[in-house]
Amino acid sequence: MGIIEGIKNTVKKNAEIEKIAADRLIICKMCPNYNNGVCRACGCLLSFKTRSLNEKCPKGLWTEV
C-alpha cells in the first residue's frame, strides 16, 4: 500500500503529511542516493514515497513518524 498511499496523499492534501513530506525531502536531497526526485537506493519517486507514512528510507535516514 505504501506508494499508493503516497499518491492518495498527493491528490488529497493534508497539512500534517505535507510537513512530514517536506522534512523527509530535505533529508533525501542531502543523500548521495538522491537523483532528481528519485531514490537510487530503492527506485521510488520521492514525491509519492515521502507522503506515505508507511514507507521508510532504505538507508534509515528518516526518523519514525
PDB file of N, CA and C in Angstrom:
ATOM      1  N   MET A   1       0.819  -1.208   0.000  1.00  0.00           N
ATOM      2  CA  MET A   1       0.000   0.000   0.000  1.00  0.00           C
ATOM      3  C   MET A   1       0.852   1.257   0.000  1.00  0.00           C
ATOM      4  N   GLY A   2       2.105   1.185   0.352  1.00  0.00           N
ATOM      5  CA  GLY A   2       2.984   2.327   0.547  1.00  0.00           C
ATOM      6  C   GLY A   2       2.876   3.442  -0.465  1.00  0.00           C
ATOM      7  N   ILE A   3       3.319   3.204  -1.685  1.00  0.00           N
ATOM      8  CA  ILE A   3       3.341   4.257  -2.687  1.00  0.00           C
ATOM      9  C   ILE A   3       1.923   4.682  -3.061  1.00  0.00           C
ATOM     10  N   ILE A   4       0.984   3.767  -3.064  1.00  0.00           N
ATOM     11  CA  ILE A   4      -0.409   4.119  -3.348  1.00  0.00           C
ATOM     12  C   ILE A   4      -0.912   5.128  -2.318  1.00  0.00           C
ATOM     13  N   GLU A   5      -0.559   4.921  -1.054  1.00  0.00           N
ATOM     14  CA  GLU A   5      -0.916   5.881  -0.011  1.00  0.00           C
ATOM     15  C   GLU A   5      -0.298   7.241  -0.314  1.00  0.00           C
ATOM     16  N   GLY A   6       0.937   7.249  -0.765  1.00  0.00           N
ATOM     17  CA  GLY A   6       1.604   8.496  -1.128  1.00  0.00           C
ATOM     18  C   GLY A   6       0.916   9.213  -2.272  1.00  0.00           C
ATOM     19  N   ILE A   7       0.438   8.452  -3.253  1.00  0.00           N
ATOM     20  CA  ILE A   7      -0.284   9.049  -4.383  1.00  0.00           C
ATOM     21  C   ILE A   7      -1.588   9.666  -3.885  1.00  0.00           C
ATOM     22  N   LYS A   8      -2.317   8.925  -3.049  1.00  0.00           N
ATOM     23  CA  LYS A   8      -3.567   9.456  -2.493  1.00  0.00           C
ATOM     24  C   LYS A   8      -3.312  10.729  -1.691  1.00  0.00           C
ATOM     25  N   ASN A   9      -2.235  10.743  -0.899  1.00  0.00           N
ATOM     26  CA  ASN A   9      -1.921  11.915  -0.089  1.00  0.00           C
ATOM     27  C   ASN A   9      -1.420  13.086  -0.931  1.00  0.00           C
ATOM     28  N   THR A  10      -0.962  12.823  -2.143  1.00  0.00           N
ATOM     29  CA  THR A  10      -0.575  13.888  -3.060  1.00  0.00           C
ATOM     30  C   THR A  10      -1.822  14.548  -3.645  1.00  0.00           C
ATOM     31  N   VAL A  11      -2.819  13.729  -3.954  1.00  0.00           N
ATOM     32  CA  VAL A  11      -4.065  14.234  -4.533  1.00  0.00           C
ATOM     33  C   VAL A  11      -4.900  14.960  -3.480  1.00  0.00           C
ATOM     34  N   LYS A  12      -5.043  14.334  -2.331  1.00  0.00           N
ATOM     35  CA  LYS A  12      -5.833  14.920  -1.245  1.00  0.00           C
ATOM     36  C   LYS A  12      -4.869  15.403  -0.163  1.00  0.00           C
ATOM     37  N   LYS A  13      -4.572  16.694  -0.210  1.00  0.00           N
ATOM     38  CA  LYS A  13      -3.559  17.283   0.665  1.00  0.00           C
ATOM     39  C   LYS A  13      -3.997  17.307   2.124  1.00  0.00           C
ATOM     40  N   ASN A  14      -3.016  17.095   3.005  1.00  0.00           N
ATOM     41  CA  ASN A  14      -3.195  17.144   4.450  1.00  0.00           C
ATOM     42  C   ASN A  14      -1.983  17.893   4.990  1.00  0.00           C
ATOM     43  N   ALA A  15      -2.197  18.948   5.772  1.00  0.00           N
ATOM     44  CA  ALA A  15      -1.108  19.811   6.236  1.00  0.00           C
ATOM     45  C   ALA A  15      -0.049  19.031   7.018  1.00  0.00           C
ATOM     46  N   GLU A  16      -0.471  18.117   7.861  1.00  0.00           N
ATOM     47  CA  GLU A  16       0.483  17.346   8.667  1.00  0.00           C
ATOM     48  C   GLU A  16       1.358  16.454   7.782  1.00  0.00           C
ATOM     49  N   ILE A  17       0.745  15.799   6.823  1.00  0.00           N
ATOM     50  CA  ILE A  17       1.502  14.923   5.915  1.00  0.00           C
ATOM     51  C   ILE A  17       2.414  15.746   5.021  1.00  0.00           C
ATOM     52  N   GLU A  18       1.968  16.900   4.585  1.00  0.00           N
ATOM     53  CA  GLU A  18       2.812  17.775   3.762  1.00  0.00           C
ATOM     54  C   GLU A  18       4.057  18.213   4.530  1.00  0.00           C
ATOM     55  N   LYS A  19       3.916  18.473   5.826  1.00  0.00           N
ATOM     56  CA  LYS A  19       5.058  18.855   6.669  1.00  0.00           C
ATOM     57  C   LYS A  19       6.041  17.692   6.774  1.00  0.00           C
ATOM     58  N   ILE A  20       5.523  16.504   7.006  1.00  0.00           N
ATOM     59  CA  ILE A  20       6.377  15.308   7.086  1.00  0.00           C
ATOM     60  C   ILE A  20       7.097  15.097   5.762  1.00  0.00           C
ATOM     61  N   ALA A  21       6.369  15.212   4.645  1.00  0.00           N
ATOM     62  CA  ALA A  21       6.958  15.021   3.321  1.00  0.00           C
ATOM     63  C   ALA A  21       8.065  16.043   3.066  1.00  0.00           C
ATOM     64  N   ALA A  22       7.836  17.295   3.441  1.00  0.00           N
ATOM     65  CA  ALA A  22       8.839  18.349   3.242  1.00  0.00           C
ATOM     66  C   ALA A  22      10.092  18.050   4.062  1.00  0.00           C
ATOM     67  N   ASP A  23       9.902  17.626   5.311  1.00  0.00           N
ATOM     68  CA  ASP A  23      11.039  17.282   6.171  1.00  0.00           C
ATOM     69  C   ASP A  23      11.817  16.098   5.607  1.00  0.00           C
ATOM     70  N   ARG A  24      11.104  15.099   5.138  1.00  0.00           N
ATOM     71  CA  ARG A  24      11.759  13.926   4.552  1.00  0.00           C
ATOM     72  C   ARG A  24      12.529  14.303   3.289  1.00  0.00           C
ATOM     73  N   LEU A  25      11.929  15.142   2.465  1.00  0.00           N
ATOM     74  CA  LEU A  25      12.578  15.520   1.209  1.00  0.00           C
ATOM     75  C   LEU A  25      13.865  16.303   1.452  1.00  0.00           C
ATOM     76  N   ILE A  26      13.898  17.107   2.494  1.00  0.00           N
ATOM     77  CA  ILE A  26      15.138  17.813   2.853  1.00  0.00           C
ATOM     78  C   ILE A  26      16.244  16.794   3.126  1.00  0.00           C
ATOM     79  N   ILE A  27      15.903  15.752   3.878  1.00  0.00           N
ATOM     80  CA  ILE A  27      16.865  14.693   4.179  1.00  0.00           C
ATOM     81  C   ILE A  27      17.293  13.987   2.897  1.00  0.00           C
ATOM     82  N   CYS A  28      16.330  13.682   2.041  1.00  0.00           N
ATOM     83  CA  CYS A  28      16.632  12.990   0.782  1.00  0.00           C
ATOM     84  C   CYS A  28      17.586  13.788  -0.095  1.00  0.00           C
ATOM     85  N   LYS A  29      17.369  15.081  -0.167  1.00  0.00           N
ATOM     86  CA  LYS A  29      18.193  15.922  -1.045  1.00  0.00           C
ATOM     87  C   LYS A  29      19.646  15.986  -0.585  1.00  0.00           C
ATOM     88  N   MET A  30      19.924  15.671   0.674  1.00  0.00           N
ATOM     89  CA  MET A  30      21.294  15.649   1.181  1.00  0.00           C
ATOM     90  C   MET A  30      21.955  14.283   0.987  1.00  0.00           C
ATOM     91  N   CYS A  31      21.176  13.287   0.600  1.00  0.00           N
ATOM     92  CA  CYS A  31      21.671  11.917   0.450  1.00  0.00           C
ATOM     93  C   CYS A  31      22.325  11.723  -0.923  1.00  0.00           C
ATOM     94  N   PRO A  32      23.442  10.994  -0.975  1.00  0.00           N
ATOM     95  CA  PRO A  32      24.072  10.724  -2.277  1.00  0.00           C
ATOM     96  C   PRO A  32      23.213   9.856  -3.201  1.00  0.00           C
ATOM     97  N   ASN A  33      22.174   9.213  -2.670  1.00  0.00           N
ATOM     98  CA  ASN A  33      21.281   8.402  -3.495  1.00  0.00           C
ATOM     99  C   ASN A  33      20.171   9.217  -4.153  1.00  0.00           C
ATOM    100  N   TYR A  34      20.087  10.510  -3.844  1.00  0.00           N
ATOM    101  CA  TYR A  34      19.059  11.377  -4.433  1.00  0.00           C
ATOM    102  C   TYR A  34      19.445  11.690  -5.869  1.00  0.00           C
ATOM    103  N   ASN A  35      18.494  11.522  -6.773  1.00  0.00           N
ATOM    104  CA  ASN A  35      18.745  11.808  -8.190  1.00  0.00           C
ATOM    105  C   ASN A  35      17.503  12.411  -8.827  1.00  0.00           C
ATOM    106  N   ASN A  36      17.413  13.732  -8.803  1.00  0.00           N
ATOM    107  CA  ASN A  36      16.305  14.444  -9.457  1.00  0.00           C
ATOM    108  C   ASN A  36      14.932  13.907  -9.054  1.00  0.00           C
ATOM    109  N   GLY A  37      14.697  13.747  -7.757  1.00  0.00           N
ATOM    110  CA  GLY A  37      13.393  13.322  -7.271  1.00  0.00           C
ATOM    111  C   GLY A  37      13.184  11.827  -7.199  1.00  0.00           C
ATOM    112  N   VAL A  38      14.226  11.066  -7.493  1.00  0.00           N
ATOM    113  CA  VAL A  38      14.154   9.604  -7.423  1.00  0.00           C
ATOM    114  C   VAL A  38      15.229   9.113  -6.461  1.00  0.00           C
ATOM    115  N   CYS A  39      14.882   8.118  -5.668  1.00  0.00           N
ATOM    116  CA  CYS A  39      15.853   7.495  -4.765  1.00  0.00           C
ATOM    117  C   CYS A  39      16.556   6.373  -5.520  1.00  0.00           C
ATOM    118  N   ARG A  40      17.862   6.485  -5.669  1.00  0.00           N
ATOM    119  CA  ARG A  40      18.605   5.430  -6.363  1.00  0.00           C
ATOM    120  C   ARG A  40      18.697   4.151  -5.540  1.00  0.00           C
ATOM    121  N   ALA A  41      18.526   4.252  -4.221  1.00  0.00           N
ATOM    122  CA  ALA A  41      18.607   3.064  -3.365  1.00  0.00           C
ATOM    123  C   ALA A  41      17.405   2.143  -3.556  1.00  0.00           C
ATOM    124  N   CYS A  42      16.217   2.733  -3.780  1.00  0.00           N
ATOM    125  CA  CYS A  42      15.019   1.900  -3.917  1.00  0.00           C
ATOM    126  C   CYS A  42      14.283   2.104  -5.248  1.00  0.00           C
ATOM    127  N   GLY A  43      14.598   3.183  -5.956  1.00  0.00           N
ATOM    128  CA  GLY A  43      13.976   3.447  -7.246  1.00  0.00           C
ATOM    129  C   GLY A  43      12.642   4.174  -7.176  1.00  0.00           C
ATOM    130  N   CYS A  44      12.235   4.582  -5.994  1.00  0.00           N
ATOM    131  CA  CYS A  44      10.924   5.235  -5.823  1.00  0.00           C
ATOM    132  C   CYS A  44      10.952   6.715  -6.185  1.00  0.00           C
ATOM    133  N   LEU A  45       9.795   7.197  -6.648  1.00  0.00           N
ATOM    134  CA  LEU A  45       9.597   8.627  -6.829  1.00  0.00           C
ATOM    135  C   LEU A  45       9.369   9.230  -5.450  1.00  0.00           C
ATOM    136  N   LEU A  46      10.209  10.144  -5.073  1.00  0.00           N
ATOM    137  CA  LEU A  46      10.149  10.682  -3.716  1.00  0.00           C
ATOM    138  C   LEU A  46       8.947  11.579  -3.479  1.00  0.00           C
ATOM    139  N   SER A  47       8.369  12.134  -4.526  1.00  0.00           N
ATOM    140  CA  SER A  47       7.162  12.957  -4.338  1.00  0.00           C
ATOM    141  C   SER A  47       6.022  12.118  -3.763  1.00  0.00           C
ATOM    142  N   PHE A  48       6.008  10.831  -4.056  1.00  0.00           N
ATOM    143  CA  PHE A  48       4.997   9.929  -3.509  1.00  0.00           C
ATOM    144  C   PHE A  48       5.484   9.236  -2.232  1.00  0.00           C
ATOM    145  N   LYS A  49       6.702   8.744  -2.263  1.00  0.00           N
ATOM    146  CA  LYS A  49       7.219   7.986  -1.122  1.00  0.00           C
ATOM    147  C   LYS A  49       7.261   8.836   0.143  1.00  0.00           C
ATOM    148  N   THR A  50       7.661  10.089   0.035  1.00  0.00           N
ATOM    149  CA  THR A  50       7.755  10.936   1.230  1.00  0.00           C
ATOM    150  C   THR A  50       6.393  11.224   1.839  1.00  0.00           C
ATOM    151  N   ARG A  51       5.322  11.085   1.062  1.00  0.00           N
ATOM    152  CA  ARG A  51       3.961  11.336   1.553  1.00  0.00           C
ATOM    153  C   ARG A  51       3.268  10.082   2.091  1.00  0.00           C
ATOM    154  N   SER A  52       3.946   8.974   2.049  1.00  0.00           N
ATOM    155  CA  SER A  52       3.381   7.732   2.571  1.00  0.00           C
ATOM    156  C   SER A  52       3.934   7.478   3.969  1.00  0.00           C
ATOM    157  N   LEU A  53       3.064   7.488   4.957  1.00  0.00           N
ATOM    158  CA  LEU A  53       3.510   7.287   6.330  1.00  0.00           C
ATOM    159  C   LEU A  53       3.963   5.860   6.584  1.00  0.00           C
ATOM    160  N   ASN A  54       3.599   4.941   5.697  1.00  0.00           N
ATOM    161  CA  ASN A  54       4.003   3.537   5.839  1.00  0.00           C
ATOM    162  C   ASN A  54       5.366   3.239   5.233  1.00  0.00           C
ATOM    163  N   GLU A  55       5.914   4.182   4.484  1.00  0.00           N
ATOM    164  CA  GLU A  55       7.203   3.969   3.833  1.00  0.00           C
ATOM    165  C   GLU A  55       8.350   4.354   4.754  1.00  0.00           C
ATOM    166  N   LYS A  56       9.509   3.755   4.512  1.00  0.00           N
ATOM    167  CA  LYS A  56      10.719   4.063   5.262  1.00  0.00           C
ATOM    168  C   LYS A  56      11.859   4.333   4.279  1.00  0.00           C
ATOM    169  N   CYS A  57      12.814   5.102   4.717  1.00  0.00           N
ATOM    170  CA  CYS A  57      14.016   5.337   3.927  1.00  0.00           C
ATOM    171  C   CYS A  57      14.830   4.043   3.904  1.00  0.00           C
ATOM    172  N   PRO A  58      15.264   3.583   2.725  1.00  0.00           N
ATOM    173  CA  PRO A  58      16.031   2.345   2.661  1.00  0.00           C
ATOM    174  C   PRO A  58      17.383   2.446   3.368  1.00  0.00           C
ATOM    175  N   LYS A  59      17.839   3.654   3.609  1.00  0.00           N
ATOM    176  CA  LYS A  59      19.104   3.871   4.316  1.00  0.00           C
ATOM    177  C   LYS A  59      18.883   4.211   5.786  1.00  0.00           C
ATOM    178  N   GLY A  60      17.620   4.251   6.217  1.00  0.00           N
ATOM    179  CA  GLY A  60      17.298   4.519   7.614  1.00  0.00           C
ATOM    180  C   GLY A  60      17.484   5.966   8.033  1.00  0.00           C
ATOM    181  N   LEU A  61      17.400   6.887   7.084  1.00  0.00           N
ATOM    182  CA  LEU A  61      17.664   8.293   7.395  1.00  0.00           C
ATOM    183  C   LEU A  61      16.440   9.057   7.927  1.00  0.00           C
ATOM    184  N   TRP A  62      15.246   8.563   7.676  1.00  0.00           N
ATOM    185  CA  TRP A  62      14.059   9.245   8.187  1.00  0.00           C
ATOM    186  C   TRP A  62      13.793   8.784   9.616  1.00  0.00           C
ATOM    187  N   THR A  63      13.423   9.711  10.455  1.00  0.00           N
ATOM    188  CA  THR A  63      13.024   9.332  11.801  1.00  0.00           C
ATOM    189  C   THR A  63      11.590   8.801  11.754  1.00  0.00           C
ATOM    190  N   GLU A  64      11.224   8.018  12.707  1.00  0.00           N
ATOM    191  CA  GLU A  64       9.855   7.485  12.744  1.00  0.00           C
ATOM    192  C   GLU A  64       8.842   8.592  12.923  1.00  0.00           C
ATOM    193  N   VAL A  65       7.694   8.426  12.337  1.00  0.00           N
ATOM    194  CA  VAL A  65       6.616   9.429  12.396  1.00  0.00           C
ATOM    195  C   VAL A  65       5.814   9.208  13.652  1.00  0.00           C
TER     196      VAL A  65
END
